[in-house]
């Protein structure tokens, strides 16, 4: 079962990763793509935590 702290931590990481991804948009395609992969992985992790917690 996921704790509130784990969920909040995952949300913060996802927000930071999205901001970093967006900062690369239009300037460096490779870095943007790598950051997009990280965002996708963090979204999956957050979804897993939320499903464990029953949200």
N, C-alpha and C. Protein backbone atom coordinates (compact mmCIF):
# COMPACT_ATOMS: atom_id res chain seq x y z
N UNK A 1 0.84 -1.18 0.00
CA UNK A 1 0.00 0.00 0.00
C UNK A 1 0.89 1.24 0.00
N UNK A 2 0.59 2.14 -0.90
CA UNK A 2 1.37 3.37 -1.03
C UNK A 2 0.99 4.36 0.06
N UNK A 3 1.99 5.04 0.58
CA UNK A 3 1.72 6.06 1.59
C UNK A 3 1.49 7.41 0.91
N UNK A 4 0.89 8.31 1.65
CA UNK A 4 0.67 9.66 1.15
C UNK A 4 2.00 10.31 0.78
N UNK A 5 3.02 10.07 1.59
CA UNK A 5 4.33 10.65 1.32
C UNK A 5 4.91 10.13 0.00
N UNK A 6 4.73 8.83 -0.27
CA UNK A 6 5.23 8.26 -1.52
C UNK A 6 4.50 8.88 -2.72
N UNK A 7 3.21 9.03 -2.60
CA UNK A 7 2.42 9.62 -3.69
C UNK A 7 2.82 11.07 -3.92
N UNK A 8 2.94 11.83 -2.84
CA UNK A 8 3.33 13.24 -2.97
C UNK A 8 4.73 13.38 -3.55
N UNK A 9 5.64 12.51 -3.15
CA UNK A 9 6.99 12.52 -3.69
C UNK A 9 6.99 12.22 -5.18
N UNK A 10 6.21 11.24 -5.59
CA UNK A 10 6.11 10.89 -7.01
C UNK A 10 5.51 12.05 -7.80
N UNK A 11 4.54 12.74 -7.23
CA UNK A 11 3.93 13.88 -7.91
C UNK A 11 4.94 15.01 -8.09
N UNK A 12 5.75 15.27 -7.06
CA UNK A 12 6.77 16.33 -7.15
C UNK A 12 7.82 15.98 -8.20
N UNK A 13 8.26 14.71 -8.21
CA UNK A 13 9.24 14.28 -9.21
C UNK A 13 8.68 14.44 -10.61
N UNK A 14 7.42 14.08 -10.79
CA UNK A 14 6.78 14.19 -12.10
C UNK A 14 6.69 15.65 -12.53
N UNK A 15 6.32 16.54 -11.62
CA UNK A 15 6.23 17.97 -11.95
C UNK A 15 7.60 18.51 -12.38
N UNK A 16 8.66 18.14 -11.65
CA UNK A 16 10.00 18.60 -12.01
C UNK A 16 10.43 18.03 -13.36
N UNK A 17 10.14 16.76 -13.60
CA UNK A 17 10.52 16.14 -14.87
C UNK A 17 9.78 16.77 -16.03
N UNK A 18 8.51 17.09 -15.84
CA UNK A 18 7.75 17.76 -16.91
C UNK A 18 8.33 19.14 -17.21
N UNK A 19 8.69 19.87 -16.16
CA UNK A 19 9.27 21.20 -16.36
C UNK A 19 10.60 21.10 -17.10
N UNK A 20 11.43 20.12 -16.72
CA UNK A 20 12.70 19.94 -17.40
C UNK A 20 12.48 19.54 -18.86
N UNK A 21 11.56 18.61 -19.09
CA UNK A 21 11.24 18.20 -20.46
C UNK A 21 10.83 19.41 -21.29
N UNK A 22 9.93 20.21 -20.74
CA UNK A 22 9.42 21.36 -21.47
C UNK A 22 10.51 22.40 -21.74
N UNK A 23 11.51 22.47 -20.86
CA UNK A 23 12.60 23.42 -21.07
C UNK A 23 13.46 23.03 -22.27
N UNK A 24 13.47 21.76 -22.63
CA UNK A 24 14.26 21.29 -23.77
C UNK A 24 13.50 21.41 -25.09
N UNK A 25 12.21 21.61 -25.04
CA UNK A 25 11.40 21.62 -26.26
C UNK A 25 11.90 22.70 -27.21
N UNK A 26 12.18 22.30 -28.43
CA UNK A 26 12.61 23.23 -29.45
C UNK A 26 14.09 23.55 -29.46
N UNK A 27 14.83 23.14 -28.42
CA UNK A 27 16.25 23.49 -28.39
C UNK A 27 17.17 22.29 -28.55
N UNK A 28 16.76 21.14 -28.07
CA UNK A 28 17.62 19.96 -28.15
C UNK A 28 16.73 18.74 -28.20
N UNK A 29 16.56 18.20 -29.39
CA UNK A 29 15.60 17.10 -29.58
C UNK A 29 15.97 15.87 -28.75
N UNK A 30 17.25 15.51 -28.73
CA UNK A 30 17.66 14.32 -27.98
C UNK A 30 17.33 14.45 -26.50
N UNK A 31 17.70 15.58 -25.91
CA UNK A 31 17.42 15.77 -24.48
C UNK A 31 15.92 15.81 -24.22
N UNK A 32 15.16 16.41 -25.13
CA UNK A 32 13.70 16.45 -24.98
C UNK A 32 13.13 15.03 -25.00
N UNK A 33 13.61 14.21 -25.93
CA UNK A 33 13.12 12.83 -26.01
C UNK A 33 13.49 12.03 -24.77
N UNK A 34 14.70 12.20 -24.27
CA UNK A 34 15.11 11.49 -23.06
C UNK A 34 14.27 11.94 -21.86
N UNK A 35 14.03 13.23 -21.76
CA UNK A 35 13.20 13.75 -20.68
C UNK A 35 11.77 13.25 -20.81
N UNK A 36 11.29 13.10 -22.04
CA UNK A 36 9.94 12.57 -22.26
C UNK A 36 9.82 11.13 -21.78
N UNK A 37 10.88 10.34 -21.98
CA UNK A 37 10.88 8.96 -21.49
C UNK A 37 10.82 8.93 -19.96
N UNK A 38 11.55 9.84 -19.33
CA UNK A 38 11.52 9.92 -17.87
C UNK A 38 10.13 10.29 -17.39
N UNK A 39 9.50 11.26 -18.04
CA UNK A 39 8.14 11.66 -17.67
C UNK A 39 7.19 10.47 -17.79
N UNK A 40 7.29 9.72 -18.87
CA UNK A 40 6.41 8.56 -19.07
C UNK A 40 6.61 7.53 -17.96
N UNK A 41 7.86 7.29 -17.59
CA UNK A 41 8.14 6.32 -16.52
C UNK A 41 7.58 6.81 -15.18
N UNK A 42 7.74 8.09 -14.90
CA UNK A 42 7.23 8.64 -13.65
C UNK A 42 5.70 8.64 -13.62
N UNK A 43 5.07 8.86 -14.77
CA UNK A 43 3.61 8.79 -14.84
C UNK A 43 3.13 7.38 -14.53
N UNK A 44 3.83 6.38 -15.05
CA UNK A 44 3.47 4.99 -14.76
C UNK A 44 3.65 4.67 -13.28
N UNK A 45 4.74 5.16 -12.71
CA UNK A 45 5.00 4.92 -11.28
C UNK A 45 3.91 5.57 -10.43
N UNK A 46 3.54 6.79 -10.76
CA UNK A 46 2.49 7.47 -10.01
C UNK A 46 1.17 6.73 -10.14
N UNK A 47 0.85 6.28 -11.34
CA UNK A 47 -0.39 5.52 -11.55
C UNK A 47 -0.38 4.24 -10.71
N UNK A 48 0.77 3.58 -10.65
CA UNK A 48 0.88 2.36 -9.84
C UNK A 48 0.66 2.67 -8.36
N UNK A 49 1.28 3.73 -7.88
CA UNK A 49 1.11 4.11 -6.47
C UNK A 49 -0.34 4.45 -6.16
N UNK A 50 -0.97 5.18 -7.07
CA UNK A 50 -2.37 5.55 -6.85
C UNK A 50 -3.28 4.33 -6.86
N UNK A 51 -2.99 3.36 -7.73
CA UNK A 51 -3.84 2.16 -7.77
C UNK A 51 -3.64 1.32 -6.51
N UNK A 52 -2.42 1.31 -5.97
CA UNK A 52 -2.16 0.59 -4.72
C UNK A 52 -2.91 1.23 -3.56
N UNK A 53 -3.04 2.55 -3.64
CA UNK A 53 -3.66 3.29 -2.54
C UNK A 53 -5.18 3.33 -2.68
N UNK A 54 -5.70 2.89 -3.80
CA UNK A 54 -7.14 2.87 -3.99
C UNK A 54 -7.74 4.15 -4.51
N UNK A 55 -6.92 5.05 -5.04
CA UNK A 55 -7.43 6.32 -5.60
C UNK A 55 -7.94 6.11 -7.00
